Amino acid sequence: MHIEFVNHASVLIRHGNIGLLSDPWYEGPAFHKGWRLLVETDAPEVEALLGRTTHIWVSHEHPDHFSVGFFKRFGQIIRDRGITLLFQEIDDQRVADFLRAEGFTIIFLPFGHAVDLGDEVSVTCIKDEFIDSALSIRAGDTHILNLNDCNVGTIARAQEFRDAVGTCDILLTQFSYAAWKGGRDNRAWRVTAAQEKLCNIAVQAEVLQPRMIIPFASFVTFAHERNHYLNDAANTPDTVVANFQAAPFAVQVMAPGDVTDGTTDPAASAAACGWWRGKYAKASDTLMTYESVQASALEAAFAKWRKRVFQNNSVATMKFAQKFSPVKVLQPVVVELDDLVSSWQIDPPKGTFTRTDAPADLIMHSESLEFMFLNSFGFDTLTVSGTFEEARDGGFSRAARSIAIENLNNLGIRFGMGLLFNPKIIAVILERLRGVSAKMGRKEA
């Protein structure tokens, strides 16, 4: 068994004739010009990599794990070489529909059941929250657990993974935060978020008992002129190594092209830390920007957003909830577009988008708002990219309880009377909002 680090959340696990590649994102920005890789992987390297690959696993739909550009650019090679794709068996078919349309061979992995790939390699997919998944890989006598972005930060949650697949020999896990964490002046939230990631690793190690942890899935930078300040407290490989110097497991940092058979190699890890150090030092050399979008184009984009929202939700229930819900939802949200020097009110139940002088909830660029209107995943992308700011206390929570309605739709949840009586879903949503408010130092959620 060998693990070859490729980039970000992508590794190639080889055993016998099986080569299992994970989450290939190798070039270009992600999250609407919000993120960049610390280093890109050249096309000849990718082509050589695919020559060693028999299966590709995609953990979830986020573009730093499911890269449409990768599958478009290298699709013919994948088809010609008979590489099989692996994806979780879920109701949401957007990723599956794309992969099928591209003509790929796909195995859909049922949660909690081992699937044999051949040559003493089997995989078990584990669901995490709404869209994410982890993969347990048994390659010969070695058990590798790829957690990527999975939210495993409590003993109870880690125990659920252990109950599902047992302890592991090697753990691959995210090591830094990966979304908006307050405004420019709220560095305290980012410091806390970075420390929480290290605490998560400690919890995972305590329960899953790996002998080696490979930190990955965080080799990115916030790379836009509006969000690059978010890098100010991010963990680096050096941070992880320093934090776990006395741990009963080895931290093996890997640079692109590094290979391990599970044997601890402190010299290689130290060299990889140094290599990444150089990449972090240059991360903010070139920042991305947006182009202004005029009001007429925003109104046209909003019309498409309204059409999707009205088709996928009960307008009558939306209006009822806006007026009578004890938790204020679907309230009008005001967005200040600082590049256009204007503010706009979005009222989802009424389906209106109008100029206003009312106090803003959020501040963003017009290109960000257009992107949100044109894409059903737009609000989710905005929160990950972090290219916006709160304009007033509670602005983000207010927006999340209103214009993020398509986040529910993407999970197969229709805003109707049934949702109002589904306490489990409501509890999860409110708990997340409470968490955000706590980090902002407020109680409004």
Protein backbone atom coordinates (compact mmCIF):
# COMPACT_ATOMS: atom_id res chain seq x y z
CA MET A 1 0.00 0.00 0.00
CA HIS A 2 1.21 3.47 -0.92
CA ILE A 3 -0.34 6.89 -0.48
CA GLU A 4 0.78 9.55 -2.97
CA PHE A 5 -0.11 13.14 -2.13
CA VAL A 6 -1.27 15.07 -5.19
CA ASN A 7 -2.84 18.39 -4.12
CA HIS A 8 -5.22 19.85 -1.52
CA ALA A 9 -7.71 17.01 -0.78
CA SER A 10 -6.42 14.72 -3.51
CA VAL A 11 -4.35 11.61 -2.80
CA LEU A 12 -3.75 8.46 -4.81
CA ILE A 13 -3.95 5.26 -2.75
CA ARG A 14 -2.35 2.31 -4.55
CA HIS A 15 -2.50 -1.36 -3.66
CA GLY A 16 -1.96 -4.15 -6.16
CA ASN A 17 -3.55 -3.09 -9.44
CA ILE A 18 -5.93 -0.63 -7.78
CA GLY A 19 -5.27 3.11 -7.84
CA LEU A 20 -7.90 5.11 -5.92
CA LEU A 21 -7.75 8.87 -6.50
CA SER A 22 -9.70 11.29 -4.30
CA ASP A 23 -11.26 14.70 -4.98
CA PRO A 24 -9.23 15.94 -7.96
CA TRP A 25 -9.06 19.75 -8.10
CA TYR A 26 -5.78 20.80 -9.68
CA GLU A 27 -6.16 24.22 -11.30
CA GLY A 28 -8.21 27.39 -11.44
CA PRO A 29 -10.11 29.27 -8.73
CA ALA A 30 -13.02 27.92 -6.69
CA PHE A 31 -16.02 29.45 -4.94
CA HIS A 32 -16.53 32.28 -7.41
CA LYS A 33 -12.97 33.62 -7.45
CA GLY A 34 -12.72 33.24 -3.69
CA TRP A 35 -10.09 30.50 -3.36
CA ARG A 36 -6.91 29.46 -5.09
CA LEU A 37 -4.74 26.42 -4.63
CA LEU A 38 -1.40 27.18 -3.01
CA VAL A 39 0.13 25.39 -6.00
CA GLU A 40 -1.45 24.04 -9.18
CA THR A 41 -0.78 20.65 -10.76
CA ASP A 42 0.38 20.76 -14.38
CA ALA A 43 -1.57 18.89 -17.06
CA PRO A 44 1.28 16.44 -17.90
CA GLU A 45 1.46 15.48 -14.22
CA VAL A 46 -2.31 14.92 -14.16
CA GLU A 47 -2.16 12.75 -17.28
CA ALA A 48 0.62 10.64 -15.74
CA LEU A 49 -1.38 10.42 -12.51
CA LEU A 50 -4.44 9.13 -14.36
CA GLY A 51 -2.23 6.42 -15.83
CA ARG A 52 -1.89 5.06 -12.27
CA THR A 53 -5.59 5.48 -11.46
CA THR A 54 -8.39 2.90 -11.69
CA HIS A 55 -11.02 4.67 -9.55
CA ILE A 56 -11.83 8.29 -8.65
CA TRP A 57 -13.82 9.06 -5.49
CA VAL A 58 -15.66 12.39 -5.16
CA SER A 59 -16.58 13.14 -1.54
CA HIS A 60 -19.13 15.93 -2.10
CA GLU A 61 -20.25 18.67 -4.44
CA HIS A 62 -18.11 21.60 -3.28
CA PRO A 63 -15.85 22.73 -6.14
CA ASP A 64 -12.60 22.12 -4.26
CA HIS A 65 -13.62 18.44 -4.19
CA PHE A 66 -15.84 18.10 -7.25
CA SER A 67 -14.08 20.11 -9.96
CA VAL A 68 -16.18 20.37 -13.11
CA GLY A 69 -13.14 21.79 -14.90
CA PHE A 70 -11.10 18.66 -14.14
CA PHE A 71 -13.74 16.30 -15.51
CA LYS A 72 -14.23 18.44 -18.61
CA ARG A 73 -10.52 18.75 -19.36
CA PHE A 74 -9.52 15.16 -18.62
CA GLY A 75 -12.81 13.41 -19.33
CA GLN A 76 -11.65 11.70 -22.51
CA ILE A 77 -8.63 10.22 -20.73
CA ILE A 78 -10.89 8.98 -17.92
CA ARG A 79 -13.25 7.34 -20.42
CA ASP A 80 -10.48 5.89 -22.60
CA ARG A 81 -8.72 4.32 -19.63
CA GLY A 82 -11.90 2.90 -18.18
CA ILE A 83 -11.53 4.71 -14.87
CA THR A 84 -14.56 4.17 -12.62
CA LEU A 85 -16.01 7.01 -10.55
CA LEU A 86 -17.27 6.53 -6.99
CA PHE A 87 -19.89 8.79 -5.44
CA GLN A 88 -22.25 8.58 -2.48
CA GLU A 89 -25.75 7.18 -3.03
CA ILE A 90 -27.96 10.17 -2.22
CA ASP A 91 -31.24 11.66 -3.41
CA ASP A 92 -29.59 14.83 -4.76
CA GLN A 93 -28.65 13.84 -8.31
CA ARG A 94 -26.95 17.02 -9.53
CA VAL A 95 -23.42 15.61 -9.37
CA ALA A 96 -24.57 12.22 -10.62
CA ASP A 97 -26.46 13.77 -13.53
CA PHE A 98 -23.37 15.68 -14.61
CA LEU A 99 -21.14 12.61 -14.43
CA ARG A 100 -23.66 10.48 -16.32
CA ALA A 101 -24.01 13.14 -19.01
CA GLU A 102 -20.23 13.07 -19.45
CA GLY A 103 -20.39 9.33 -20.14
CA PHE A 104 -18.46 8.13 -17.10
CA THR A 105 -18.82 4.74 -15.45
CA ILE A 106 -20.09 5.32 -11.90
CA ILE A 107 -20.48 3.17 -8.81
CA PHE A 108 -22.84 4.69 -6.26
CA LEU A 109 -21.71 3.84 -2.76
CA PRO A 110 -24.42 2.95 -0.23
CA PHE A 111 -23.70 4.40 3.18
CA GLY A 112 -22.19 2.00 5.67
CA HIS A 113 -21.70 -0.95 3.30
CA ALA A 114 -18.30 -2.12 2.06
CA VAL A 115 -17.79 -2.25 -1.71
CA ASP A 116 -15.03 -4.47 -3.07
CA LEU A 117 -12.80 -2.84 -5.72
CA GLY A 118 -10.56 -5.88 -6.17
CA ASP A 119 -6.99 -6.74 -5.18
CA GLU A 120 -7.81 -6.69 -1.44
CA VAL A 121 -9.13 -3.13 -1.64
CA SER A 122 -12.58 -2.28 -0.34
CA VAL A 123 -14.25 1.03 0.46
CA THR A 124 -17.06 2.08 2.79
CA CYS A 125 -18.74 5.48 2.40
CA ILE A 126 -19.97 7.28 5.53
CA LYS A 127 -22.47 10.13 5.36
CA ASP A 128 -21.73 13.36 7.19
CA GLU A 129 -24.44 15.97 7.76
CA PHE A 130 -26.24 17.09 4.61
CA ILE A 131 -23.86 16.80 1.64
CA ASP A 132 -20.47 15.54 2.80
CA SER A 133 -19.12 12.02 3.03
CA ALA A 134 -16.02 10.24 4.28
CA LEU A 135 -14.37 7.13 2.86
CA SER A 136 -12.93 4.17 4.74
CA ILE A 137 -10.38 2.34 2.59
CA ARG A 138 -9.05 -1.09 3.47
CA ALA A 139 -5.98 -1.86 1.35
CA GLY A 140 -4.52 -5.19 2.33
CA ASP A 141 -3.76 -5.00 6.04
CA THR A 142 -3.97 -1.18 6.21
CA HIS A 143 -7.06 0.83 7.11
CA ILE A 144 -7.09 4.42 5.83
CA LEU A 145 -9.85 6.85 6.77
CA ASN A 146 -10.31 9.92 4.57
CA LEU A 147 -12.40 12.48 6.49
CA ASN A 148 -11.72 15.40 4.11
CA ASP A 149 -14.09 18.19 5.33
CA CYS A 150 -16.34 16.06 7.54
CA ASN A 151 -17.46 17.79 10.72
CA VAL A 152 -16.06 15.38 13.32
CA GLY A 153 -15.36 17.51 16.36
CA THR A 154 -16.95 15.69 19.28
CA ILE A 155 -16.27 12.37 20.97
CA ALA A 156 -19.81 11.26 20.17
CA ARG A 157 -19.50 12.03 16.46
CA ALA A 158 -16.07 10.40 16.22
CA GLN A 159 -17.48 7.34 17.99
CA GLU A 160 -20.16 7.08 15.32
CA PHE A 161 -17.39 6.78 12.72
CA ARG A 162 -15.59 4.21 14.86
CA ASP A 163 -18.78 2.22 15.27
CA ALA A 164 -19.22 2.26 11.49
CA VAL A 165 -15.72 1.28 10.35
CA GLY A 166 -13.55 0.74 13.44
CA THR A 167 -10.23 2.36 14.30
CA CYS A 168 -7.81 3.26 11.55
CA ASP A 169 -4.09 3.11 10.83
CA ILE A 170 -3.86 6.33 8.81
CA LEU A 171 -6.15 9.34 9.06
CA LEU A 172 -6.42 12.07 6.41
CA THR A 173 -8.19 15.15 7.74
CA GLN A 174 -8.72 18.88 7.20
CA PHE A 175 -6.52 21.14 9.32
CA SER A 176 -7.77 24.72 8.87
CA TYR A 177 -10.99 26.70 8.55
CA ALA A 178 -12.52 27.08 5.13
CA ALA A 179 -15.25 29.74 5.10
CA TRP A 180 -16.13 33.28 6.14
CA LYS A 181 -15.21 33.88 9.77
CA GLY A 182 -16.36 37.37 10.59
CA GLY A 183 -15.27 40.72 9.22
CA ARG A 184 -11.83 42.26 9.08
CA ASP A 185 -11.96 43.30 12.72
CA ASN A 186 -13.10 39.91 14.00
CA ARG A 187 -9.77 38.10 13.99
CA ALA A 188 -10.73 36.53 17.32
CA TRP A 189 -13.29 34.35 15.54
CA ARG A 190 -10.65 33.16 13.07
CA VAL A 191 -8.20 32.38 15.85
CA THR A 192 -10.92 30.37 17.58
CA ALA A 193 -11.86 28.59 14.34
CA ALA A 194 -8.23 27.63 13.71
CA GLN A 195 -7.89 26.26 17.24
CA GLU A 196 -11.13 24.32 16.84
CA LYS A 197 -9.68 22.53 13.82
CA LEU A 198 -6.72 21.39 15.91
CA CYS A 199 -9.09 20.30 18.68
CA ASN A 200 -11.08 18.33 16.10
CA ILE A 201 -7.94 16.49 15.05
CA ALA A 202 -7.20 15.68 18.71
CA VAL A 203 -10.73 14.29 19.18
CA GLN A 204 -10.52 12.26 15.99
CA ALA A 205 -7.18 10.81 17.05
CA GLU A 206 -8.38 9.95 20.55
CA VAL A 207 -11.31 7.92 19.27
CA LEU A 208 -10.04 6.57 15.94
CA GLN A 209 -6.50 5.84 17.22
CA PRO A 210 -4.46 6.28 14.02
CA ARG A 211 -0.74 5.73 14.16
CA MET A 212 -0.30 8.41 11.47
CA ILE A 213 -2.25 11.56 10.59
CA ILE A 214 -1.79 13.22 7.22
CA PRO A 215 -3.08 16.83 7.34
CA PHE A 216 -4.65 17.82 4.03
CA ALA A 217 -7.73 19.43 2.41
CA SER A 218 -6.60 22.90 3.53
CA PHE A 219 -3.87 23.72 1.04
CA VAL A 220 -5.71 26.78 -0.28
CA THR A 221 -5.69 30.51 0.20
CA PHE A 222 -8.42 33.12 0.29
CA ALA A 223 -7.28 34.85 -2.87
CA HIS A 224 -9.61 37.77 -3.61
CA GLU A 225 -9.00 41.40 -2.76
CA ARG A 226 -12.16 41.24 -0.63
CA ASN A 227 -11.34 38.16 1.41
CA HIS A 228 -7.57 37.72 1.62
CA TYR A 229 -7.59 39.10 5.18
CA LEU A 230 -9.25 35.79 6.18
CA ASN A 231 -5.83 34.14 5.89
CA ASP A 232 -4.58 36.00 8.96
CA ALA A 233 -5.17 33.16 11.45
CA ALA A 234 -5.27 30.09 9.20
CA ASN A 235 -3.40 26.98 10.33
CA THR A 236 -0.42 25.80 8.33
CA PRO A 237 1.34 22.42 8.36
CA ASP A 238 3.88 23.93 10.77
CA THR A 239 1.00 24.77 13.14
CA VAL A 240 -0.24 21.18 13.09
CA VAL A 241 3.21 19.69 13.66
CA ALA A 242 3.94 22.05 16.56
CA ASN A 243 0.58 21.36 18.18
CA PHE A 244 1.03 17.58 18.18
CA GLN A 245 4.71 17.19 18.95
CA ALA A 246 4.00 15.08 22.03
CA ALA A 247 1.06 13.16 20.55
CA PRO A 248 0.99 9.35 20.44
CA PHE A 249 0.66 9.48 16.65
CA ALA A 250 2.92 10.79 13.89
CA VAL A 251 1.98 13.84 11.83
CA GLN A 252 3.21 13.20 8.30
CA VAL A 253 3.09 16.38 6.21
CA MET A 254 3.27 15.69 2.49
CA ALA A 255 4.09 17.85 -0.52
CA PRO A 256 2.89 17.07 -4.06
CA GLY A 257 4.55 13.88 -5.30
CA ASP A 258 5.48 12.62 -1.83
CA VAL A 259 4.68 8.95 -1.22
CA THR A 260 4.30 7.05 2.05
CA ASP A 261 3.74 3.39 2.82
CA GLY A 262 2.59 4.31 6.31
CA THR A 263 6.07 4.38 7.77
CA THR A 264 6.87 7.55 9.71
CA ASP A 265 9.45 9.72 7.95
CA PRO A 266 10.26 12.84 10.03
CA ALA A 267 12.81 14.12 7.51
CA ALA A 268 10.33 13.97 4.62
CA SER A 269 7.67 15.65 6.77
CA ALA A 270 10.05 18.46 7.73
CA ALA A 271 11.03 18.96 4.09
CA ALA A 272 7.36 19.14 3.09
CA CYS A 273 6.71 21.74 5.81
CA GLY A 274 9.51 23.84 4.41
CA TRP A 275 8.19 23.47 0.88
CA TRP A 276 4.70 24.58 1.91
CA ARG A 277 6.17 27.46 3.91
CA GLY A 278 7.47 28.91 0.67
CA LYS A 279 4.07 28.59 -0.99
CA TYR A 280 2.26 30.32 1.88
CA ALA A 281 4.73 33.19 1.70
CA LYS A 282 3.68 33.92 -1.89
CA ALA A 283 -0.03 33.26 -1.47
CA SER A 284 -1.17 36.91 -1.59
CA ASP A 285 1.11 38.07 -4.39
CA THR A 286 -1.76 38.22 -6.92
CA LEU A 287 -5.36 38.75 -5.84
CA MET A 288 -8.50 38.29 -7.91
CA THR A 289 -11.08 41.03 -8.52
CA TYR A 290 -14.69 41.39 -9.70
CA GLU A 291 -16.28 43.34 -12.55
CA SER A 292 -19.29 45.55 -11.83
CA VAL A 293 -22.72 44.37 -12.98
CA GLN A 294 -25.29 46.98 -13.87
CA ALA A 295 -28.75 47.19 -12.27
CA SER A 296 -30.58 45.90 -15.35
CA ALA A 297 -28.49 42.73 -15.37
CA LEU A 298 -29.05 42.25 -11.64
CA GLU A 299 -32.81 42.58 -12.13
CA ALA A 300 -32.71 39.97 -14.90
CA ALA A 301 -30.67 37.63 -12.70
CA PHE A 302 -33.07 38.16 -9.80
CA ALA A 303 -36.00 37.18 -12.04
CA LYS A 304 -34.32 33.80 -12.58
CA TRP A 305 -33.72 33.42 -8.83
CA ARG A 306 -37.35 34.24 -8.08
CA LYS A 307 -38.57 31.74 -10.67
CA ARG A 308 -36.51 28.94 -9.09
CA VAL A 309 -37.59 29.85 -5.56
CA PHE A 310 -41.27 30.05 -6.47
CA GLN A 311 -41.12 26.76 -8.38
CA ASN A 312 -39.41 24.87 -5.55
CA ASN A 313 -41.29 26.27 -2.55
CA SER A 314 -44.82 27.10 -1.47
CA VAL A 315 -45.21 30.86 -1.83
CA ALA A 316 -48.21 30.80 0.50
CA THR A 317 -46.17 29.04 3.20
CA MET A 318 -43.31 31.48 2.70
CA LYS A 319 -45.67 34.41 3.25
CA PHE A 320 -47.20 32.73 6.29
CA ALA A 321 -43.77 32.05 7.81
CA GLN A 322 -42.59 35.60 7.15
CA LYS A 323 -45.57 36.98 9.05
CA PHE A 324 -46.22 34.48 11.83
CA SER A 325 -43.10 32.38 12.48
CA PRO A 326 -41.76 32.90 16.06
CA VAL A 327 -38.27 32.65 14.56
CA LYS A 328 -37.96 35.50 12.09
CA VAL A 329 -37.47 33.91 8.69
CA LEU A 330 -37.77 35.11 5.10
CA GLN A 331 -37.70 38.74 6.21
CA PRO A 332 -36.65 41.38 3.67
CA VAL A 333 -32.87 41.61 3.41
CA VAL A 334 -31.00 44.73 2.33
CA VAL A 335 -27.75 44.34 0.41
CA GLU A 336 -25.44 47.29 -0.14
CA LEU A 337 -23.53 47.06 -3.40
CA ASP A 338 -20.51 49.20 -2.66
CA ASP A 339 -19.21 49.21 -6.23
CA LEU A 340 -22.54 50.63 -7.49
CA VAL A 341 -23.06 52.86 -4.43
CA SER A 342 -26.61 51.63 -4.01
CA SER A 343 -28.64 49.37 -1.72
CA TRP A 344 -31.28 46.83 -2.73
CA GLN A 345 -33.98 45.06 -0.76
CA ILE A 346 -34.74 41.39 -1.45
CA ASP A 347 -38.09 40.10 -0.26
CA PRO A 348 -38.35 36.35 -1.08
CA PRO A 349 -42.09 35.77 -0.37
CA LYS A 350 -43.10 38.85 -2.36
CA GLY A 351 -40.54 38.14 -5.07
CA THR A 352 -39.33 41.74 -5.19
CA PHE A 353 -35.93 43.30 -5.70
CA THR A 354 -36.03 47.06 -5.22
CA ARG A 355 -33.78 50.05 -4.55
CA THR A 356 -33.91 51.27 -0.97
CA ASP A 357 -32.38 53.68 1.52
CA ALA A 358 -33.00 51.29 4.44
CA PRO A 359 -30.01 50.16 6.56
CA ALA A 360 -28.09 47.34 4.88
CA ASP A 361 -27.62 43.87 6.33
CA LEU A 362 -24.75 42.82 4.05
CA ILE A 363 -22.18 44.62 1.92
CA MET A 364 -20.90 42.98 -1.24
CA HIS A 365 -19.92 43.52 -4.85
CA SER A 366 -22.55 43.48 -7.59
CA GLU A 367 -20.84 40.49 -9.26
CA SER A 368 -21.29 38.49 -6.06
CA LEU A 369 -25.00 39.27 -5.93
CA GLU A 370 -25.47 38.38 -9.60
CA PHE A 371 -23.67 35.07 -9.03
CA MET A 372 -25.94 34.31 -6.09
CA PHE A 373 -29.04 35.00 -8.18
CA LEU A 374 -27.86 32.95 -11.16
CA ASN A 375 -26.81 29.84 -9.24
CA SER A 376 -28.86 27.74 -6.83
CA PHE A 377 -25.70 27.21 -4.77
CA GLY A 378 -24.90 30.93 -4.84
CA PHE A 379 -25.46 31.77 -1.17
CA ASP A 380 -23.48 28.72 -0.07
CA THR A 381 -20.65 29.82 -2.34
CA LEU A 382 -20.77 33.34 -0.92
CA THR A 383 -20.41 32.12 2.67
CA VAL A 384 -17.44 29.92 1.77
CA SER A 385 -15.67 32.52 -0.34
CA GLY A 386 -16.20 35.20 2.30
CA THR A 387 -16.26 38.04 -0.23
CA PHE A 388 -18.86 40.02 1.71
CA GLU A 389 -19.17 41.85 5.03
CA GLU A 390 -21.88 42.40 7.61
CA ALA A 391 -23.25 45.93 7.44
CA ARG A 392 -24.90 45.78 10.86
CA ASP A 393 -25.25 43.48 13.85
CA GLY A 394 -27.24 40.38 12.94
CA GLY A 395 -27.02 41.05 9.22
CA PHE A 396 -25.58 37.67 8.32
CA SER A 397 -28.05 35.71 10.43
CA ARG A 398 -30.91 37.70 8.94
CA ALA A 399 -29.70 36.94 5.43
CA ALA A 400 -29.12 33.26 6.20
CA ARG A 401 -32.71 32.95 7.42
CA SER A 402 -34.01 34.52 4.23
CA ILE A 403 -32.08 34.51 0.98
CA ALA A 404 -30.40 31.17 1.74
CA ILE A 405 -33.67 29.36 1.01
CA GLU A 406 -32.08 27.54 -1.95
CA ASN A 407 -29.65 25.85 0.42
CA LEU A 408 -32.66 23.90 1.69
CA ASN A 409 -33.88 23.21 -1.83
CA ASN A 410 -30.49 21.81 -2.82
CA LEU A 411 -30.86 19.31 0.03
CA GLY A 412 -34.22 18.21 -1.35
CA ILE A 413 -36.13 20.22 1.27
CA ARG A 414 -39.11 22.19 -0.01
CA PHE A 415 -40.26 25.19 2.02
CA GLY A 416 -43.83 24.17 2.73
CA MET A 417 -46.08 23.38 5.66
CA GLY A 418 -44.25 20.08 6.19
CA LEU A 419 -40.98 21.87 6.92
CA LEU A 420 -42.62 23.99 9.61
CA PHE A 421 -43.39 20.79 11.50
CA ASN A 422 -40.00 19.12 11.03
CA PRO A 423 -38.22 19.92 14.30
CA LYS A 424 -35.03 18.03 13.41
CA ILE A 425 -34.23 20.12 10.36
CA ILE A 426 -35.25 23.35 12.07
CA ALA A 427 -33.08 22.49 15.08
CA VAL A 428 -30.01 21.88 12.91
CA ILE A 429 -30.47 25.16 11.06
CA LEU A 430 -31.03 27.19 14.21
CA GLU A 431 -28.07 25.59 15.96
CA ARG A 432 -25.80 26.63 13.11
CA LEU A 433 -27.11 30.18 13.25
CA ARG A 434 -26.60 30.27 17.01
CA GLY A 435 -23.03 29.13 16.47
CA VAL A 436 -22.39 31.96 14.02
CA SER A 437 -23.92 34.50 16.38
CA ALA A 438 -21.81 33.27 19.27
CA LYS A 439 -18.67 33.71 17.20
CA MET A 440 -19.81 37.22 16.31
CA GLY A 441 -20.22 37.92 20.02
CA ARG A 442 -23.97 38.30 19.75
CA LYS A 443 -27.18 36.56 20.78
CA GLU A 444 -29.66 37.51 18.09
CA ALA A 445 -30.04 33.98 16.64
